[in-house]
Protein backbone atom coordinates (compact mmCIF):
# COMPACT_ATOMS: atom_id res chain seq x y z
CA MET A 1 83.30 62.43 96.90
CA VAL A 2 80.78 64.79 98.50
CA ASP A 3 81.70 68.48 98.83
CA THR A 4 81.04 69.40 102.48
CA GLN A 5 82.83 72.75 102.37
CA GLU A 6 80.85 75.77 103.62
CA TYR A 7 81.34 78.91 101.58
CA HIS A 8 81.80 82.49 102.68
CA MET A 9 80.34 85.67 101.20
CA GLN A 10 80.75 89.33 102.02
CA ILE A 11 77.74 91.63 101.58
CA ASN A 12 77.93 95.43 101.69
CA TRP A 13 74.67 96.93 102.98
CA SER A 14 73.05 100.32 102.42
CA ARG A 15 69.90 101.60 104.07
CA CYS A 16 67.56 103.27 101.58
CA LEU A 17 65.34 106.03 102.90
CA THR A 18 63.36 106.37 99.65
CA TYR A 19 62.20 104.20 96.77
CA SER A 20 64.30 106.25 94.33
CA ALA A 21 67.46 105.53 96.36
CA ALA A 22 66.83 101.79 95.99
CA ALA A 23 65.58 101.91 92.38
CA LYS A 24 69.05 102.31 90.87
CA SER A 25 70.35 99.12 92.55
CA LYS A 26 71.40 96.18 90.39
CA GLY A 27 72.59 92.69 91.30
CA VAL A 28 71.43 92.89 94.91
CA VAL A 29 69.58 91.22 97.74
CA TYR A 30 67.18 93.36 99.73
CA LEU A 31 65.51 93.25 103.10
CA HIS A 32 62.30 94.90 104.28
CA GLU A 33 62.66 95.10 108.04
CA TRP A 34 60.06 96.04 110.71
CA TYR A 35 61.10 96.85 114.27
CA GLY A 36 64.43 95.13 113.83
CA VAL A 37 62.82 91.92 112.50
CA PRO A 38 63.33 90.56 108.96
CA PHE A 39 59.95 90.93 107.28
CA TYR A 40 60.72 90.08 103.64
CA TRP A 41 63.90 89.16 101.74
CA GLY A 42 64.26 89.45 97.99
CA SER A 43 66.90 89.37 95.28
CA THR A 44 66.98 91.00 91.90
CA ALA A 45 69.21 91.82 88.98
CA ASN A 46 67.44 95.20 88.74
CA PHE A 47 65.48 96.67 91.67
CA ARG A 48 63.45 99.07 89.54
CA GLN A 49 62.23 96.26 87.27
CA ARG A 50 61.47 93.92 90.20
CA ASN A 51 59.71 96.63 92.23
CA ASN A 52 58.35 98.80 89.43
CA SER A 53 56.77 102.21 89.85
CA GLY A 54 53.50 100.54 90.87
CA TYR A 55 55.23 99.56 94.11
CA SER A 56 56.89 102.92 94.72
CA HIS A 57 53.97 104.42 96.66
CA TRP A 58 53.72 101.28 98.81
CA ILE A 59 57.46 101.21 99.56
CA GLU A 60 57.47 104.96 100.33
CA GLY A 61 54.51 104.49 102.70
CA VAL A 62 56.21 101.63 104.51
CA LEU A 63 59.41 103.65 104.87
CA GLN A 64 57.47 106.60 106.29
CA HIS A 65 55.76 104.42 108.90
CA GLY A 66 58.61 102.58 110.55
CA GLY A 67 59.69 100.06 107.95
CA ARG A 68 63.27 99.93 106.76
CA LEU A 69 64.66 98.91 103.39
CA TYR A 70 68.21 97.63 103.06
CA ILE A 71 70.04 96.83 99.84
CA GLY A 72 72.90 94.32 100.03
CA LYS A 73 75.52 94.02 97.32
CA PRO A 74 77.39 90.70 97.37
CA GLU A 75 81.13 91.17 96.88
CA LYS A 76 81.47 88.19 94.51
CA LEU A 77 78.84 85.63 93.62
CA GLY A 78 81.26 83.00 92.33
CA GLN A 79 79.31 79.76 91.87
CA PHE A 80 76.22 81.17 93.60
CA THR A 81 73.23 83.08 92.24
CA LEU A 82 71.45 86.00 93.89
CA GLU A 83 68.63 83.59 94.72
CA ASP A 84 71.14 81.31 96.51
CA VAL A 85 72.23 84.29 98.61
CA GLU A 86 68.62 85.24 99.35
CA LYS A 87 67.74 81.69 100.48
CA ALA A 88 70.86 81.45 102.64
CA LEU A 89 69.99 84.76 104.35
CA ILE A 90 66.43 83.50 105.00
CA ASN A 91 67.84 80.28 106.46
CA LYS A 92 70.29 82.11 108.71
CA TYR A 93 68.29 85.14 109.85
CA GLY A 94 64.65 84.09 109.41
CA SER A 95 61.72 85.99 107.93
CA ILE A 96 58.10 86.80 108.68
CA ARG A 97 56.89 86.50 105.05
CA ASN A 98 59.42 84.32 103.23
CA LYS A 99 58.73 80.63 103.66
CA ARG A 100 60.99 79.17 101.00
CA ARG A 101 64.07 77.73 102.54
CA ALA A 102 66.62 75.59 100.84
CA ALA A 103 69.83 74.03 102.03
CA ASN A 104 72.92 75.34 100.35
CA LYS A 105 76.56 75.62 101.22
CA LEU A 106 76.57 79.38 101.58
CA LYS A 107 76.49 79.71 105.36
CA ILE A 108 79.17 82.14 106.47
CA PHE A 109 78.64 85.85 105.92
CA THR A 110 80.62 88.99 106.57
CA HIS A 111 78.43 92.09 106.60
CA THR A 112 79.78 95.58 105.99
CA GLY A 113 78.29 99.04 105.57
CA ASN A 114 74.95 99.97 107.13
CA VAL A 115 74.13 96.46 108.37
CA PRO A 116 70.43 95.77 109.10
CA GLU A 117 69.48 95.72 112.78
CA SER A 118 68.11 92.17 112.50
CA ILE A 119 71.51 90.92 111.33
CA GLN A 120 73.36 92.89 114.01
CA LYS A 121 71.29 91.27 116.76
CA SER A 122 71.17 87.82 115.17
CA GLY A 123 72.63 86.23 118.29
CA VAL A 124 69.33 86.98 120.03
CA PRO A 125 66.68 84.21 119.94
CA ASN A 126 63.89 84.75 117.40
CA PRO A 127 61.93 87.86 118.41
CA ILE A 128 58.16 88.00 118.50
CA PRO A 129 56.94 88.43 114.90
CA PHE A 130 55.59 91.79 113.79
CA GLN A 131 51.80 91.90 113.87
CA CYS A 132 49.74 94.46 112.00
CA GLU A 133 46.68 95.79 113.78
CA CYS A 134 44.77 97.24 110.85
CA MET A 135 41.71 99.39 111.39
């Protein structure tokens, strides 16, 4: 018998205004967002180890120039891993940089806290991707 049930997960979001605010996060998914568009999704057991101090200046620079960083804490993982949650979020909300998509049964989300703009407006068709005009 094939399990066709779709599973639900609640994620509590926080917006981080600095690298140090995010660095203490553990067991989370995270979203780098530009202009209300999902730019990059990630997941990690320990944010500081995943995005070590070598990234801190880059993350701080992005945050000071319009980028947003959100940390999402899943209520209960159950049978799923953080990577499952990350892939399901990419599948549902899209991404500029993430290309890995995988089918899984985690499809229904409840979002609480400081929910990212891109999730709030997810009923809108895919917006025009962010483009960097570097000098």
